[in-house]
Amino acid sequence: MQPLVEVRGLVRRFGPVAALDGLSFALAEGEWVAVTGPSGSGKTTLLNVLAGLDRPTAGEVRVAGTELAGLAPRALAAYRRRTIGLVFQQFHLMPYLTALENVMLAQYVHSMTDRAEAAEALARVGLAGRLHHLPAQLSGGEQQRVCLARALINHPPLVLADEPTGNLDAANQAVVMALLADLHRRGHTIVLVTHDPALAARADRELRLEHGRFAPPPQGEAAPDRLLADLWHALEEEGVRVPTTRAGVPELLAEGLLGAETGAGVAFTPAGRQAALAAVRRVRLAEALLARTLGRCTMECGRETPLAPGWEEQVAEFLGRPELCPHGRPIGEVEA
């Protein structure tokens, strides 16, 4: 099957500075890729080139069979309408249009408006009761969900998201990431620019940029609790297949914490189960501590920042060793 995105020798220069320096990669249809790296590494420039908002200095960029480099401005605009859904850190909503009208504007630019379809798109992102509110009357999380509905109203095969949770609190960040995960399950190809390792771990694969070139993801001394807890939730609690290309998985395979299975999926090894159960306990105890001390819990299991290593026992004693996290999920006991 031909990749949805093919990039060969991509270079983008701004004067003497190479923001992108000879990148080559391919994205399969339905793949979710996280693009990470420090500020100034070329993440947003890469997204702008894929979106047809910027032109490469050299190299080839082909999306859905269309070579972007030689397209005239009118053809580039048609490409964006037909192929791309854009979600930015800044919401870019029209301040004088309601949520419904902002989504219908995207329909109008693409072809024709359909009020019922626009309302349905907003309902899918949980805004059925906010159709006629102006952006100033919406919270930041609600505005970002309007942006998601607007980006997806024309069913684009490729969704480009540039730090879409950067201006959101933890609760709204979780909502937006859950919506992106649902899009992934529905078959959309997603390119997510982020510098948050926990968000990057949700993707199938991570592409890390440094100085305009690809670099291997940074290696830690041990698998992070958040990644292990996330994999436990997916593999053991939800029964979801996790591909070997998912961010962080190759390192766990190399460490012997995961084993590859038929169908390009993975499963915990005995040592991996031990490590994951310990991570789940630390993460969910951290959530329970948050709920007990602050009176609320804002994130789903496995998303709260884990406690520093060495504090698990003190937390467990403080909480009376609860059997359930605040969401009613068992806190896994580590097997002997």
Protein backbone atom coordinates (compact mmCIF):
# COMPACT_ATOMS: atom_id res chain seq x y z
CA MET A 1 0.00 0.00 0.00
CA GLN A 2 1.35 3.43 -0.94
CA PRO A 3 2.05 5.71 2.08
CA LEU A 4 -0.28 8.65 2.62
CA VAL A 5 2.72 10.95 3.15
CA GLU A 6 6.12 10.61 1.46
CA VAL A 7 8.93 13.08 2.20
CA ARG A 8 12.36 12.83 0.53
CA GLY A 9 15.33 15.10 1.17
CA LEU A 10 13.18 17.91 2.56
CA VAL A 11 15.08 21.15 3.13
CA ARG A 12 13.62 24.47 4.28
CA ARG A 13 16.02 27.36 4.67
CA PHE A 14 15.43 30.82 6.09
CA GLY A 15 18.45 32.71 4.84
CA PRO A 16 21.54 30.79 6.04
CA VAL A 17 19.57 28.80 8.63
CA ALA A 18 18.29 25.33 7.69
CA ALA A 19 15.08 24.86 9.70
CA LEU A 20 14.69 21.46 8.00
CA ASP A 21 17.83 19.76 6.78
CA GLY A 22 17.36 16.76 4.50
CA LEU A 23 14.41 14.96 6.12
CA SER A 24 13.08 11.74 4.59
CA PHE A 25 10.21 9.68 6.01
CA ALA A 26 6.85 8.14 5.16
CA LEU A 27 3.54 7.95 7.01
CA ALA A 28 1.08 5.14 6.50
CA GLU A 29 -2.62 5.81 6.17
CA GLY A 30 -4.22 5.71 9.63
CA GLU A 31 -0.93 6.18 11.48
CA TRP A 32 -0.55 8.49 14.48
CA VAL A 33 2.89 10.12 14.64
CA ALA A 34 4.23 12.48 17.31
CA VAL A 35 6.83 15.04 16.23
CA THR A 36 8.94 16.12 19.20
CA GLY A 37 12.06 18.12 19.87
CA PRO A 38 13.25 21.32 21.57
CA SER A 39 12.05 24.77 20.56
CA GLY A 40 13.53 25.82 17.24
CA SER A 41 14.11 22.25 16.07
CA GLY A 42 11.80 22.60 13.05
CA LYS A 43 8.58 20.97 14.30
CA THR A 44 6.18 23.73 13.27
CA THR A 45 8.05 24.32 10.01
CA LEU A 46 7.57 20.66 9.11
CA LEU A 47 3.86 20.90 9.87
CA ASN A 48 3.52 24.07 7.78
CA VAL A 49 5.17 22.37 4.80
CA LEU A 50 2.88 19.34 5.09
CA ALA A 51 -0.11 21.70 5.29
CA GLY A 52 0.90 23.61 2.19
CA LEU A 53 1.29 26.79 4.25
CA ASP A 54 5.02 26.93 3.48
CA ARG A 55 7.11 25.71 0.55
CA PRO A 56 10.26 23.60 0.76
CA THR A 57 13.57 25.01 -0.41
CA ALA A 58 14.47 21.59 -1.80
CA GLY A 59 13.23 18.03 -1.72
CA GLU A 60 9.91 16.28 -2.40
CA VAL A 61 6.71 16.27 -0.36
CA ARG A 62 3.89 14.06 -1.60
CA VAL A 63 0.58 13.76 0.27
CA ALA A 64 -2.24 11.52 -0.94
CA GLY A 65 -0.51 11.28 -4.30
CA THR A 66 -0.12 15.06 -4.71
CA GLU A 67 3.36 16.57 -5.06
CA LEU A 68 3.19 19.87 -3.18
CA ALA A 69 6.32 21.63 -4.38
CA GLY A 70 5.02 22.56 -7.82
CA LEU A 71 1.43 23.50 -6.95
CA ALA A 72 0.17 26.97 -7.77
CA PRO A 73 -1.42 28.97 -4.90
CA ARG A 74 -4.98 28.13 -6.00
CA ALA A 75 -4.11 24.42 -6.21
CA LEU A 76 -2.46 24.56 -2.77
CA ALA A 77 -5.64 26.07 -1.32
CA ALA A 78 -7.67 23.27 -2.90
CA TYR A 79 -5.24 20.72 -1.44
CA ARG A 80 -5.71 22.15 2.06
CA ARG A 81 -9.49 22.10 1.73
CA ARG A 82 -9.57 18.54 0.42
CA THR A 83 -6.81 16.81 2.40
CA ILE A 84 -5.83 18.68 5.56
CA GLY A 85 -7.44 19.33 8.94
CA LEU A 86 -5.47 21.87 10.98
CA VAL A 87 -5.56 22.25 14.77
CA PHE A 88 -3.34 24.92 16.32
CA GLN A 89 -2.29 25.86 19.84
CA GLN A 90 -3.91 29.25 19.18
CA PHE A 91 -7.57 28.69 18.40
CA HIS A 92 -7.96 31.10 15.43
CA LEU A 93 -11.73 31.27 15.78
CA MET A 94 -13.65 34.20 14.30
CA PRO A 95 -14.60 36.20 17.42
CA TYR A 96 -17.85 37.53 15.95
CA LEU A 97 -19.13 34.10 14.82
CA THR A 98 -20.78 31.53 17.06
CA ALA A 99 -19.35 28.03 17.52
CA LEU A 100 -21.81 26.73 14.93
CA GLU A 101 -20.98 29.50 12.46
CA ASN A 102 -17.23 28.93 12.87
CA VAL A 103 -17.70 25.29 11.87
CA MET A 104 -20.06 26.22 9.02
CA LEU A 105 -17.44 28.66 7.73
CA ALA A 106 -15.11 25.71 7.14
CA GLN A 107 -17.90 24.02 5.20
CA TYR A 108 -18.43 27.14 3.12
CA VAL A 109 -14.74 27.36 2.23
CA HIS A 110 -14.74 23.70 1.20
CA SER A 111 -18.01 23.45 -0.73
CA MET A 112 -21.38 24.26 0.84
CA THR A 113 -22.77 24.76 4.31
CA ASP A 114 -24.86 22.19 6.15
CA ARG A 115 -26.17 23.41 9.50
CA ALA A 116 -27.28 19.97 10.70
CA GLU A 117 -23.89 18.40 9.89
CA ALA A 118 -22.05 21.25 11.65
CA ALA A 119 -24.25 20.85 14.73
CA GLU A 120 -23.61 17.10 14.73
CA ALA A 121 -19.85 17.70 14.54
CA LEU A 122 -20.02 19.95 17.59
CA ALA A 123 -22.16 17.42 19.42
CA ARG A 124 -19.47 14.76 18.79
CA VAL A 125 -16.96 16.90 20.67
CA GLY A 126 -19.37 17.50 23.55
CA LEU A 127 -20.63 20.97 22.61
CA ALA A 128 -24.26 20.30 21.68
CA GLY A 129 -25.34 22.85 24.27
CA ARG A 130 -22.90 25.57 23.17
CA LEU A 131 -23.74 25.95 19.47
CA HIS A 132 -24.74 29.61 19.68
CA HIS A 133 -22.01 30.84 22.01
CA LEU A 134 -19.31 33.22 20.80
CA PRO A 135 -15.66 32.24 21.40
CA ALA A 136 -15.40 34.77 24.24
CA GLN A 137 -18.23 32.88 25.99
CA LEU A 138 -16.40 29.54 25.75
CA SER A 139 -13.58 28.18 27.91
CA GLY A 140 -10.21 27.44 26.35
CA GLY A 141 -10.99 23.73 26.20
CA GLU A 142 -14.33 24.40 24.56
CA GLN A 143 -12.71 26.68 21.98
CA GLN A 144 -10.18 23.97 21.13
CA ARG A 145 -13.01 21.47 20.68
CA VAL A 146 -14.69 23.90 18.26
CA CYS A 147 -11.37 23.94 16.37
CA LEU A 148 -11.38 20.14 16.23
CA ALA A 149 -14.96 20.08 14.92
CA ARG A 150 -14.03 22.73 12.35
CA ALA A 151 -10.91 20.87 11.26
CA LEU A 152 -12.81 17.63 10.77
CA ILE A 153 -16.07 18.83 9.25
CA ASN A 154 -14.83 18.04 5.74
CA HIS A 155 -13.46 14.59 6.72
CA PRO A 156 -9.77 15.24 5.89
CA PRO A 157 -7.55 12.16 5.66
CA LEU A 158 -4.62 13.98 7.33
CA VAL A 159 -4.98 15.87 10.65
CA LEU A 160 -2.08 18.18 11.59
CA ALA A 161 -2.11 19.30 15.23
CA ASP A 162 0.45 21.83 16.45
CA GLU A 163 0.64 21.75 20.28
CA PRO A 164 -3.18 21.51 20.48
CA THR A 165 -3.15 21.20 24.27
CA GLY A 166 -0.52 23.86 24.95
CA ASN A 167 -3.00 26.44 26.26
CA LEU A 168 -5.22 23.99 28.16
CA ASP A 169 -5.42 22.83 31.76
CA ALA A 170 -5.00 19.16 32.62
CA ALA A 171 -8.69 18.28 32.43
CA ASN A 172 -9.22 19.86 29.00
CA GLN A 173 -5.93 18.40 27.78
CA ALA A 174 -7.28 14.94 28.58
CA VAL A 175 -10.52 15.69 26.67
CA VAL A 176 -8.68 16.86 23.55
CA MET A 177 -6.31 13.89 23.60
CA ALA A 178 -9.25 11.52 23.97
CA LEU A 179 -10.84 13.14 20.89
CA LEU A 180 -7.61 12.70 18.91
CA ALA A 181 -7.44 9.06 20.01
CA ASP A 182 -11.00 8.58 18.76
CA LEU A 183 -10.06 10.11 15.40
CA HIS A 184 -7.15 7.69 15.20
CA ARG A 185 -9.48 4.76 15.82
CA ARG A 186 -11.72 6.05 13.02
CA GLY A 187 -8.81 5.84 10.56
CA HIS A 188 -7.54 9.42 10.35
CA THR A 189 -3.79 9.92 9.95
CA ILE A 190 -2.56 12.27 12.70
CA VAL A 191 0.66 14.25 12.99
CA LEU A 192 0.89 15.71 16.49
CA VAL A 193 3.57 18.27 17.33
CA THR A 194 4.29 18.25 21.07
CA HIS A 195 7.13 18.57 23.54
CA ASP A 196 5.26 16.61 26.22
CA PRO A 197 6.65 13.03 26.42
CA ALA A 198 3.40 11.74 27.93
CA LEU A 199 1.39 13.00 24.95
CA ALA A 200 3.99 11.68 22.49
CA ALA A 201 3.65 8.25 24.11
CA ARG A 202 0.03 8.10 22.94
CA ALA A 203 1.17 7.98 19.31
CA ASP A 204 2.14 4.92 17.27
CA ARG A 205 5.55 6.38 16.56
CA GLU A 206 7.74 9.33 17.55
CA LEU A 207 9.84 11.43 15.18
CA ARG A 208 12.26 13.60 17.15
CA LEU A 209 13.79 16.68 15.54
CA GLU A 210 16.98 18.43 16.58
CA HIS A 211 18.40 21.27 14.49
CA GLY A 212 16.19 20.30 11.55
CA ARG A 213 17.29 16.66 11.49
CA PHE A 214 15.88 13.48 12.95
CA ALA A 215 17.45 12.29 16.19
CA PRO A 216 16.71 9.25 18.39
CA PRO A 217 14.32 9.90 21.30
CA PRO A 218 16.17 10.61 24.56
CA GLN A 219 16.85 7.49 26.60
CA GLY A 220 16.21 7.38 30.32
CA GLU A 221 17.72 4.96 32.80
CA ALA A 222 14.34 3.29 33.39
CA ALA A 223 11.01 3.05 31.65
CA PRO A 224 8.82 6.00 32.79
CA ASP A 225 5.91 5.15 35.06
CA ARG A 226 3.44 6.99 32.87
CA LEU A 227 4.33 4.94 29.78
CA LEU A 228 4.16 1.63 31.64
CA ALA A 229 0.84 2.56 33.26
CA ASP A 230 -0.55 3.64 29.88
CA LEU A 231 0.52 0.35 28.29
CA TRP A 232 -0.99 -1.62 31.19
CA HIS A 233 -4.29 0.16 30.70
CA ALA A 234 -4.24 -0.54 26.95
CA LEU A 235 -3.03 -4.15 27.03
CA GLU A 236 -4.45 -5.57 30.25
CA GLU A 237 -7.56 -3.50 30.94
CA GLU A 238 -8.82 -2.49 27.49
CA GLY A 239 -7.41 -5.37 25.42
CA VAL A 240 -6.15 -2.94 22.74
CA ARG A 241 -3.41 -4.06 20.34
CA VAL A 242 -0.28 -1.94 20.76
CA PRO A 243 2.05 -1.89 17.73
CA THR A 244 5.79 -2.38 18.05
CA THR A 245 6.33 1.05 16.46
CA ARG A 246 4.55 2.98 19.21
CA ALA A 247 6.72 5.58 20.94
CA GLY A 248 8.71 4.00 23.77
CA VAL A 249 7.82 0.41 22.84
CA PRO A 250 11.05 -0.47 20.96
CA GLU A 251 13.05 0.49 24.05
CA LEU A 252 10.86 -1.71 26.28
CA LEU A 253 11.28 -4.59 23.82
CA ALA A 254 15.05 -4.14 24.01
CA GLU A 255 14.91 -4.10 27.82
CA GLY A 256 12.90 -7.34 27.84
CA LEU A 257 9.84 -5.74 29.46
CA LEU A 258 7.71 -6.39 26.36
CA GLY A 259 7.66 -9.24 23.87
CA ALA A 260 6.52 -9.07 20.24
CA GLU A 261 3.51 -11.16 19.24
CA THR A 262 1.93 -12.08 15.92
CA GLY A 263 0.23 -9.19 14.12
CA ALA A 264 2.94 -6.68 15.10
CA GLY A 265 1.50 -6.37 18.61
CA VAL A 266 3.24 -6.63 21.98
CA ALA A 267 2.59 -8.20 25.38
CA PHE A 268 4.21 -7.86 28.79
CA THR A 269 6.91 -10.33 29.73
CA PRO A 270 6.90 -11.55 33.36
CA ALA A 271 9.46 -8.88 34.22
CA GLY A 272 7.41 -6.32 32.34
CA ARG A 273 4.24 -7.23 34.25
CA GLN A 274 6.14 -6.75 37.50
CA ALA A 275 7.44 -3.32 36.43
CA ALA A 276 4.08 -2.24 35.02
CA LEU A 277 2.14 -3.26 38.12
CA ALA A 278 4.56 -1.29 40.27
CA ALA A 279 4.16 1.72 37.96
CA VAL A 280 0.37 1.43 37.99
CA ARG A 281 0.39 1.36 41.77
CA ARG A 282 2.61 4.45 41.99
CA VAL A 283 0.60 6.41 39.43
CA ARG A 284 -2.81 5.52 40.85
CA LEU A 285 -1.70 6.10 44.41
CA ALA A 286 -0.52 9.52 43.27
CA GLU A 287 -4.02 10.15 41.90
CA ALA A 288 -5.60 8.98 45.11
CA LEU A 289 -3.34 11.35 47.07
CA LEU A 290 -4.42 14.22 44.83
CA ALA A 291 -8.08 13.36 45.32
CA ARG A 292 -7.75 13.04 49.10
CA THR A 293 -5.69 16.17 49.65
CA LEU A 294 -7.20 18.52 47.06
CA GLY A 295 -10.69 17.06 47.00
CA ARG A 296 -10.79 16.48 43.26
CA CYS A 297 -9.21 14.36 40.54
CA THR A 298 -8.82 15.94 37.12
CA MET A 299 -7.20 13.27 34.98
CA GLU A 300 -7.89 9.72 33.90
CA CYS A 301 -5.84 6.90 35.43
CA GLY A 302 -2.24 6.92 34.25
CA ARG A 303 -2.26 10.61 33.29
CA GLU A 304 -1.46 12.26 36.60
CA THR A 305 2.16 13.13 37.25
CA PRO A 306 3.63 10.18 39.22
CA LEU A 307 5.17 10.70 42.61
CA ALA A 308 8.92 10.86 42.83
CA PRO A 309 10.53 7.41 43.22
CA GLY A 310 10.79 6.34 46.82
CA TRP A 311 7.60 8.04 48.01
CA GLU A 312 5.19 5.19 47.19
CA GLU A 313 5.35 3.59 50.62
CA GLN A 314 4.81 6.87 52.45
CA VAL A 315 1.84 7.66 50.22
CA ALA A 316 0.41 4.17 50.70
CA GLU A 317 0.64 4.49 54.48
CA PHE A 318 -0.84 7.99 54.44
CA LEU A 319 -3.85 6.82 52.43
CA GLY A 320 -4.39 3.61 54.34
CA ARG A 321 -3.39 1.56 51.28
CA PRO A 322 -6.61 2.05 49.25
CA GLU A 323 -7.61 -0.81 46.96
CA LEU A 324 -9.22 1.45 44.36
CA CYS A 325 -8.11 4.63 42.65
CA PRO A 326 -10.55 7.60 42.59
CA HIS A 327 -12.06 6.25 39.37
CA GLY A 328 -12.88 2.87 40.88
CA ARG A 329 -10.06 0.97 39.17
CA PRO A 330 -8.07 -1.55 41.22
CA ILE A 331 -4.62 -0.45 42.26
CA GLY A 332 -2.51 -3.39 41.07
CA GLU A 333 -0.60 -5.39 43.63
CA VAL A 334 2.89 -6.35 42.54
CA GLU A 335 3.21 -10.11 42.32
CA ALA A 336 6.00 -11.70 44.30
